Amino acid sequence: METIQVVLDSDLLRATDRAARQARLNRSALVRRALHEHLKYLKTRDLEARDRQGYQQHPDNPAEVAGWERAAAWPER
């Protein structure tokens, strides 16, 4: 691991310390966890944007999708 320096305002630092105590983590572990979660969120957001862009550029062909929709439908009772 590497040591870095991060500047936080007083309110954010107090909130971070409270959250760390509640989670029973030290401050560094809480910040690492939060950063991991945020990076995961950013990756997911980027992948969703790529998917959205792909579907906008190449929309579904209703004829191609119809067979899959029938296969995915629940049978009537």
PDB file of N, CA and C in Angstrom:
ATOM      1  N   MET A   1       0.837  -1.178   0.000  1.00  0.00           N
ATOM      2  CA  MET A   1       0.000   0.000   0.000  1.00  0.00           C
ATOM      3  C   MET A   1       0.877   1.234   0.000  1.00  0.00           C
ATOM      4  N   GLU A   2       0.311   2.293  -0.505  1.00  0.00           N
ATOM      5  CA  GLU A   2       1.007   3.569  -0.550  1.00  0.00           C
ATOM      6  C   GLU A   2       0.286   4.550   0.374  1.00  0.00           C
ATOM      7  N   THR A   3       1.029   5.453   0.926  1.00  0.00           N
ATOM      8  CA  THR A   3       0.454   6.496   1.771  1.00  0.00           C
ATOM      9  C   THR A   3       0.297   7.752   0.933  1.00  0.00           C
ATOM     10  N   ILE A   4      -0.897   8.362   1.016  1.00  0.00           N
ATOM     11  CA  ILE A   4      -1.160   9.599   0.290  1.00  0.00           C
ATOM     12  C   ILE A   4      -1.679  10.631   1.281  1.00  0.00           C
ATOM     13  N   GLN A   5      -1.755  11.848   0.843  1.00  0.00           N
ATOM     14  CA  GLN A   5      -2.310  12.908   1.668  1.00  0.00           C
ATOM     15  C   GLN A   5      -3.562  13.422   0.974  1.00  0.00           C
ATOM     16  N   VAL A   6      -4.646  13.542   1.728  1.00  0.00           N
ATOM     17  CA  VAL A   6      -5.908  14.026   1.191  1.00  0.00           C
ATOM     18  C   VAL A   6      -6.374  15.173   2.076  1.00  0.00           C
ATOM     19  N   VAL A   7      -6.838  16.236   1.475  1.00  0.00           N
ATOM     20  CA  VAL A   7      -7.328  17.393   2.227  1.00  0.00           C
ATOM     21  C   VAL A   7      -8.852  17.319   2.288  1.00  0.00           C
ATOM     22  N   LEU A   8      -9.396  17.340   3.507  1.00  0.00           N
ATOM     23  CA  LEU A   8     -10.842  17.323   3.731  1.00  0.00           C
ATOM     24  C   LEU A   8     -11.227  18.529   4.577  1.00  0.00           C
ATOM     25  N   ASP A   9     -12.400  19.081   4.316  1.00  0.00           N
ATOM     26  CA  ASP A   9     -12.850  20.152   5.202  1.00  0.00           C
ATOM     27  C   ASP A   9     -13.287  19.540   6.536  1.00  0.00           C
ATOM     28  N   SER A  10     -13.412  20.356   7.548  1.00  0.00           N
ATOM     29  CA  SER A  10     -13.674  19.872   8.915  1.00  0.00           C
ATOM     30  C   SER A  10     -14.960  19.064   9.017  1.00  0.00           C
ATOM     31  N   ASP A  11     -16.021  19.521   8.363  1.00  0.00           N
ATOM     32  CA  ASP A  11     -17.303  18.804   8.434  1.00  0.00           C
ATOM     33  C   ASP A  11     -17.189  17.415   7.818  1.00  0.00           C
ATOM     34  N   LEU A  12     -16.531  17.326   6.658  1.00  0.00           N
ATOM     35  CA  LEU A  12     -16.377  16.033   5.996  1.00  0.00           C
ATOM     36  C   LEU A  12     -15.501  15.105   6.825  1.00  0.00           C
ATOM     37  N   LEU A  13     -14.463  15.646   7.437  1.00  0.00           N
ATOM     38  CA  LEU A  13     -13.600  14.829   8.283  1.00  0.00           C
ATOM     39  C   LEU A  13     -14.368  14.282   9.488  1.00  0.00           C
ATOM     40  N   ARG A  14     -15.166  15.129  10.137  1.00  0.00           N
ATOM     41  CA  ARG A  14     -15.968  14.656  11.282  1.00  0.00           C
ATOM     42  C   ARG A  14     -16.962  13.580  10.843  1.00  0.00           C
ATOM     43  N   ALA A  15     -17.616  13.791   9.704  1.00  0.00           N
ATOM     44  CA  ALA A  15     -18.571  12.801   9.198  1.00  0.00           C
ATOM     45  C   ALA A  15     -17.858  11.498   8.847  1.00  0.00           C
ATOM     46  N   THR A  16     -16.671  11.605   8.295  1.00  0.00           N
ATOM     47  CA  THR A  16     -15.884  10.419   7.956  1.00  0.00           C
ATOM     48  C   THR A  16     -15.516   9.642   9.210  1.00  0.00           C
ATOM     49  N   ASP A  17     -15.072  10.346  10.225  1.00  0.00           N
ATOM     50  CA  ASP A  17     -14.705   9.681  11.474  1.00  0.00           C
ATOM     51  C   ASP A  17     -15.920   9.021  12.140  1.00  0.00           C
ATOM     52  N   ARG A  18     -17.062   9.692  12.104  1.00  0.00           N
ATOM     53  CA  ARG A  18     -18.295   9.088  12.655  1.00  0.00           C
ATOM     54  C   ARG A  18     -18.652   7.813  11.893  1.00  0.00           C
ATOM     55  N   ALA A  19     -18.609   7.893  10.573  1.00  0.00           N
ATOM     56  CA  ALA A  19     -18.947   6.728   9.745  1.00  0.00           C
ATOM     57  C   ALA A  19     -17.960   5.590   9.988  1.00  0.00           C
ATOM     58  N   ALA A  20     -16.698   5.919  10.150  1.00  0.00           N
ATOM     59  CA  ALA A  20     -15.682   4.886  10.403  1.00  0.00           C
ATOM     60  C   ALA A  20     -15.962   4.189  11.732  1.00  0.00           C
ATOM     61  N   ARG A  21     -16.288   4.974  12.761  1.00  0.00           N
ATOM     62  CA  ARG A  21     -16.605   4.359  14.062  1.00  0.00           C
ATOM     63  C   ARG A  21     -17.824   3.441  13.951  1.00  0.00           C
ATOM     64  N   GLN A  22     -18.864   3.925  13.261  1.00  0.00           N
ATOM     65  CA  GLN A  22     -20.085   3.118  13.108  1.00  0.00           C
ATOM     66  C   GLN A  22     -19.809   1.831  12.340  1.00  0.00           C
ATOM     67  N   ALA A  23     -18.941   1.902  11.355  1.00  0.00           N
ATOM     68  CA  ALA A  23     -18.616   0.721  10.547  1.00  0.00           C
ATOM     69  C   ALA A  23     -17.524  -0.130  11.193  1.00  0.00           C
ATOM     70  N   ARG A  24     -16.995   0.361  12.312  1.00  0.00           N
ATOM     71  CA  ARG A  24     -15.900  -0.324  13.018  1.00  0.00           C
ATOM     72  C   ARG A  24     -14.684  -0.528  12.115  1.00  0.00           C
ATOM     73  N   LEU A  25     -14.360   0.547  11.410  1.00  0.00           N
ATOM     74  CA  LEU A  25     -13.194   0.586  10.532  1.00  0.00           C
ATOM     75  C   LEU A  25     -12.331   1.767  10.935  1.00  0.00           C
ATOM     76  N   ASN A  26     -11.063   1.719  10.552  1.00  0.00           N
ATOM     77  CA  ASN A  26     -10.282   2.939  10.730  1.00  0.00           C
ATOM     78  C   ASN A  26     -10.569   3.861   9.547  1.00  0.00           C
ATOM     79  N   ARG A  27     -10.153   5.094   9.662  1.00  0.00           N
ATOM     80  CA  ARG A  27     -10.451   6.100   8.644  1.00  0.00           C
ATOM     81  C   ARG A  27      -9.940   5.666   7.270  1.00  0.00           C
ATOM     82  N   SER A  28      -8.723   5.152   7.212  1.00  0.00           N
ATOM     83  CA  SER A  28      -8.152   4.747   5.922  1.00  0.00           C
ATOM     84  C   SER A  28      -8.961   3.638   5.266  1.00  0.00           C
ATOM     85  N   ALA A  29      -9.387   2.660   6.063  1.00  0.00           N
ATOM     86  CA  ALA A  29     -10.175   1.554   5.512  1.00  0.00           C
ATOM     87  C   ALA A  29     -11.509   2.056   4.981  1.00  0.00           C
ATOM     88  N   LEU A  30     -12.133   2.990   5.705  1.00  0.00           N
ATOM     89  CA  LEU A  30     -13.405   3.546   5.243  1.00  0.00           C
ATOM     90  C   LEU A  30     -13.216   4.295   3.924  1.00  0.00           C
ATOM     91  N   VAL A  31     -12.170   5.096   3.839  1.00  0.00           N
ATOM     92  CA  VAL A  31     -11.923   5.853   2.608  1.00  0.00           C
ATOM     93  C   VAL A  31     -11.606   4.905   1.451  1.00  0.00           C
ATOM     94  N   ARG A  32     -10.816   3.853   1.704  1.00  0.00           N
ATOM     95  CA  ARG A  32     -10.537   2.861   0.654  1.00  0.00           C
ATOM     96  C   ARG A  32     -11.823   2.220   0.164  1.00  0.00           C
ATOM     97  N   ARG A  33     -12.686   1.813   1.122  1.00  0.00           N
ATOM     98  CA  ARG A  33     -13.947   1.165   0.750  1.00  0.00           C
ATOM     99  C   ARG A  33     -14.812   2.124  -0.073  1.00  0.00           C
ATOM    100  N   ALA A  34     -14.907   3.371   0.366  1.00  0.00           N
ATOM    101  CA  ALA A  34     -15.728   4.352  -0.350  1.00  0.00           C
ATOM    102  C   ALA A  34     -15.178   4.591  -1.757  1.00  0.00           C
ATOM    103  N   LEU A  35     -13.869   4.657  -1.877  1.00  0.00           N
ATOM    104  CA  LEU A  35     -13.265   4.881  -3.192  1.00  0.00           C
ATOM    105  C   LEU A  35     -13.478   3.681  -4.106  1.00  0.00           C
ATOM    106  N   HIS A  36     -13.343   2.480  -3.565  1.00  0.00           N
ATOM    107  CA  HIS A  36     -13.628   1.276  -4.360  1.00  0.00           C
ATOM    108  C   HIS A  36     -15.074   1.298  -4.867  1.00  0.00           C
ATOM    109  N   GLU A  37     -16.014   1.613  -3.985  1.00  0.00           N
ATOM    110  CA  GLU A  37     -17.425   1.657  -4.378  1.00  0.00           C
ATOM    111  C   GLU A  37     -17.667   2.731  -5.438  1.00  0.00           C
ATOM    112  N   HIS A  38     -17.037   3.877  -5.287  1.00  0.00           N
ATOM    113  CA  HIS A  38     -17.234   4.946  -6.262  1.00  0.00           C
ATOM    114  C   HIS A  38     -16.644   4.565  -7.620  1.00  0.00           C
ATOM    115  N   LEU A  39     -15.478   3.954  -7.630  1.00  0.00           N
ATOM    116  CA  LEU A  39     -14.877   3.517  -8.893  1.00  0.00           C
ATOM    117  C   LEU A  39     -15.729   2.452  -9.574  1.00  0.00           C
ATOM    118  N   LYS A  40     -16.304   1.557  -8.773  1.00  0.00           N
ATOM    119  CA  LYS A  40     -17.207   0.535  -9.315  1.00  0.00           C
ATOM    120  C   LYS A  40     -18.444   1.196  -9.927  1.00  0.00           C
ATOM    121  N   TYR A  41     -18.991   2.206  -9.243  1.00  0.00           N
ATOM    122  CA  TYR A  41     -20.138   2.953  -9.749  1.00  0.00           C
ATOM    123  C   TYR A  41     -19.796   3.625 -11.084  1.00  0.00           C
ATOM    124  N   LEU A  42     -18.615   4.265 -11.147  1.00  0.00           N
ATOM    125  CA  LEU A  42     -18.220   4.944 -12.387  1.00  0.00           C
ATOM    126  C   LEU A  42     -18.072   3.959 -13.544  1.00  0.00           C
ATOM    127  N   LYS A  43     -17.508   2.782 -13.268  1.00  0.00           N
ATOM    128  CA  LYS A  43     -17.353   1.772 -14.315  1.00  0.00           C
ATOM    129  C   LYS A  43     -18.719   1.304 -14.817  1.00  0.00           C
ATOM    130  N   THR A  44     -19.629   1.044 -13.893  1.00  0.00           N
ATOM    131  CA  THR A  44     -20.983   0.617 -14.263  1.00  0.00           C
ATOM    132  C   THR A  44     -21.678   1.695 -15.082  1.00  0.00           C
ATOM    133  N   ARG A  45     -21.543   2.951 -14.642  1.00  0.00           N
ATOM    134  CA  ARG A  45     -22.162   4.063 -15.364  1.00  0.00           C
ATOM    135  C   ARG A  45     -21.615   4.161 -16.779  1.00  0.00           C
ATOM    136  N   ASP A  46     -20.305   3.980 -16.937  1.00  0.00           N
ATOM    137  CA  ASP A  46     -19.702   4.045 -18.271  1.00  0.00           C
ATOM    138  C   ASP A  46     -20.166   2.884 -19.156  1.00  0.00           C
ATOM    139  N   LEU A  47     -20.245   1.689 -18.586  1.00  0.00           N
ATOM    140  CA  LEU A  47     -20.720   0.541 -19.363  1.00  0.00           C
ATOM    141  C   LEU A  47     -22.173   0.726 -19.784  1.00  0.00           C
ATOM    142  N   GLU A  48     -22.997   1.252 -18.892  1.00  0.00           N
ATOM    143  CA  GLU A  48     -24.397   1.511 -19.242  1.00  0.00           C
ATOM    144  C   GLU A  48     -24.503   2.553 -20.346  1.00  0.00           C
ATOM    145  N   ALA A  49     -23.664   3.582 -20.290  1.00  0.00           N
ATOM    146  CA  ALA A  49     -23.663   4.607 -21.338  1.00  0.00           C
ATOM    147  C   ALA A  49     -23.246   4.010 -22.680  1.00  0.00           C
ATOM    148  N   ARG A  50     -22.247   3.123 -22.656  1.00  0.00           N
ATOM    149  CA  ARG A  50     -21.831   2.456 -23.895  1.00  0.00           C
ATOM    150  C   ARG A  50     -22.960   1.600 -24.459  1.00  0.00           C
ATOM    151  N   ASP A  51     -23.648   0.865 -23.580  1.00  0.00           N
ATOM    152  CA  ASP A  51     -24.779   0.051 -24.041  1.00  0.00           C
ATOM    153  C   ASP A  51     -25.874   0.931 -24.642  1.00  0.00           C
ATOM    154  N   ARG A  52     -26.189   2.021 -23.944  1.00  0.00           N
ATOM    155  CA  ARG A  52     -27.234   2.930 -24.418  1.00  0.00           C
ATOM    156  C   ARG A  52     -26.858   3.488 -25.791  1.00  0.00           C
ATOM    157  N   GLN A  53     -25.606   3.897 -25.938  1.00  0.00           N
ATOM    158  CA  GLN A  53     -25.142   4.439 -27.209  1.00  0.00           C
ATOM    159  C   GLN A  53     -25.207   3.375 -28.308  1.00  0.00           C
ATOM    160  N   GLY A  54     -24.823   2.157 -27.978  1.00  0.00           N
ATOM    161  CA  GLY A  54     -24.875   1.077 -28.964  1.00  0.00           C
ATOM    162  C   GLY A  54     -26.290   0.790 -29.432  1.00  0.00           C
ATOM    163  N   TYR A  55     -27.234   0.771 -28.486  1.00  0.00           N
ATOM    164  CA  TYR A  55     -28.625   0.516 -28.867  1.00  0.00           C
ATOM    165  C   TYR A  55     -29.215   1.689 -29.648  1.00  0.00           C
ATOM    166  N   GLN A  56     -28.738   2.909 -29.377  1.00  0.00           N
ATOM    167  CA  GLN A  56     -29.217   4.049 -30.157  1.00  0.00           C
ATOM    168  C   GLN A  56     -28.680   3.991 -31.579  1.00  0.00           C
ATOM    169  N   GLN A  57     -27.445   3.563 -31.731  1.00  0.00           N
ATOM    170  CA  GLN A  57     -26.854   3.474 -33.060  1.00  0.00           C
ATOM    171  C   GLN A  57     -27.357   2.260 -33.837  1.00  0.00           C
ATOM    172  N   HIS A  58     -27.698   1.192 -33.126  1.00  0.00           N
ATOM    173  CA  HIS A  58     -28.159  -0.047 -33.756  1.00  0.00           C
ATOM    174  C   HIS A  58     -29.402  -0.545 -33.017  1.00  0.00           C
ATOM    175  N   PRO A  59     -30.550   0.087 -33.242  1.00  0.00           N
ATOM    176  CA  PRO A  59     -31.759  -0.315 -32.518  1.00  0.00           C
ATOM    177  C   PRO A  59     -32.167  -1.756 -32.846  1.00  0.00           C
ATOM    178  N   ASP A  60     -32.912  -2.342 -31.921  1.00  0.00           N
ATOM    179  CA  ASP A  60     -33.410  -3.697 -32.139  1.00  0.00           C
ATOM    180  C   ASP A  60     -34.314  -3.745 -33.361  1.00  0.00           C
ATOM    181  N   ASN A  61     -34.199  -4.832 -34.078  1.00  0.00           N
ATOM    182  CA  ASN A  61     -35.096  -5.091 -35.199  1.00  0.00           C
ATOM    183  C   ASN A  61     -36.279  -5.874 -34.610  1.00  0.00           C
ATOM    184  N   PRO A  62     -37.506  -5.325 -34.678  1.00  0.00           N
ATOM    185  CA  PRO A  62     -38.652  -6.015 -34.066  1.00  0.00           C
ATOM    186  C   PRO A  62     -38.818  -7.461 -34.541  1.00  0.00           C
ATOM    187  N   ALA A  63     -38.477  -7.739 -35.785  1.00  0.00           N
ATOM    188  CA  ALA A  63     -38.618  -9.103 -36.296  1.00  0.00           C
ATOM    189  C   ALA A  63     -37.637 -10.046 -35.590  1.00  0.00           C
ATOM    190  N   GLU A  64     -36.437  -9.561 -35.304  1.00  0.00           N
ATOM    191  CA  GLU A  64     -35.443 -10.391 -34.618  1.00  0.00           C
ATOM    192  C   GLU A  64     -35.811 -10.626 -33.158  1.00  0.00           C
ATOM    193  N   VAL A  65     -36.424  -9.649 -32.542  1.00  0.00           N
ATOM    194  CA  VAL A  65     -36.731  -9.713 -31.117  1.00  0.00           C
ATOM    195  C   VAL A  65     -37.993 -10.532 -30.838  1.00  0.00           C
ATOM    196  N   ALA A  66     -38.904 -10.598 -31.784  1.00  0.00           N
ATOM    197  CA  ALA A  66     -40.198 -11.257 -31.563  1.00  0.00           C
ATOM    198  C   ALA A  66     -40.039 -12.705 -31.101  1.00  0.00           C
ATOM    199  N   GLY A  67     -39.151 -13.446 -31.702  1.00  0.00           N
ATOM    200  CA  GLY A  67     -38.956 -14.845 -31.317  1.00  0.00           C
ATOM    201  C   GLY A  67     -38.469 -14.966 -29.887  1.00  0.00           C
ATOM    202  N   TRP A  68     -37.580 -14.090 -29.461  1.00  0.00           N
ATOM    203  CA  TRP A  68     -37.062 -14.118 -28.089  1.00  0.00           C
ATOM    204  C   TRP A  68     -38.147 -13.731 -27.092  1.00  0.00           C
ATOM    205  N   GLU A  69     -39.002 -12.786 -27.463  1.00  0.00           N
ATOM    206  CA  GLU A  69     -40.080 -12.384 -26.556  1.00  0.00           C
ATOM    207  C   GLU A  69     -41.052 -13.539 -26.334  1.00  0.00           C
ATOM    208  N   ARG A  70     -41.343 -14.295 -27.380  1.00  0.00           N
ATOM    209  CA  ARG A  70     -42.234 -15.455 -27.216  1.00  0.00           C
ATOM    210  C   ARG A  70     -41.581 -16.511 -26.322  1.00  0.00           C
ATOM    211  N   ALA A  71     -40.301 -16.744 -26.500  1.00  0.00           N
ATOM    212  CA  ALA A  71     -39.583 -17.738 -25.703  1.00  0.00           C
ATOM    213  C   ALA A  71     -39.508 -17.328 -24.235  1.00  0.00           C
ATOM    214  N   ALA A  72     -39.446 -16.035 -23.965  1.00  0.00           N
ATOM    215  CA  ALA A  72     -39.311 -15.538 -22.599  1.00  0.00           C
ATOM    216  C   ALA A  72     -40.648 -15.375 -21.888  1.00  0.00           C
ATOM    217  N   ALA A  73     -41.756 -15.475 -22.613  1.00  0.00           N
ATOM    218  CA  ALA A  73     -43.081 -15.260 -22.019  1.00  0.00           C
ATOM    219  C   ALA A  73     -43.475 -16.427 -21.127  1.00  0.00           C
ATOM    220  N   TRP A  74     -44.125 -16.129 -20.010  1.00  0.00           N
ATOM    221  CA  TRP A  74     -44.623 -17.175 -19.118  1.00  0.00           C
ATOM    222  C   TRP A  74     -45.820 -17.854 -19.772  1.00  0.00           C
ATOM    223  N   PRO A  75     -45.918 -19.158 -19.653  1.00  0.00           N
ATOM    224  CA  PRO A  75     -47.067 -19.851 -20.249  1.00  0.00           C
ATOM    225  C   PRO A  75     -48.355 -19.478 -19.519  1.00  0.00           C
ATOM    226  N   GLU A  76     -49.437 -19.440 -20.256  1.00  0.00           N
ATOM    227  CA  GLU A  76     -50.764 -19.170 -19.681  1.00  0.00           C
ATOM    228  C   GLU A  76     -51.229 -20.386 -18.925  1.00  0.00           C
ATOM    229  N   ARG A  77     -51.938 -20.200 -17.841  1.00  0.00           N
ATOM    230  CA  ARG A  77     -52.460 -21.343 -17.063  1.00  0.00           C
ATOM    231  C   ARG A  77     -53.899 -21.587 -17.377  1.00  0.00           C
TER     232      ARG A  77
END
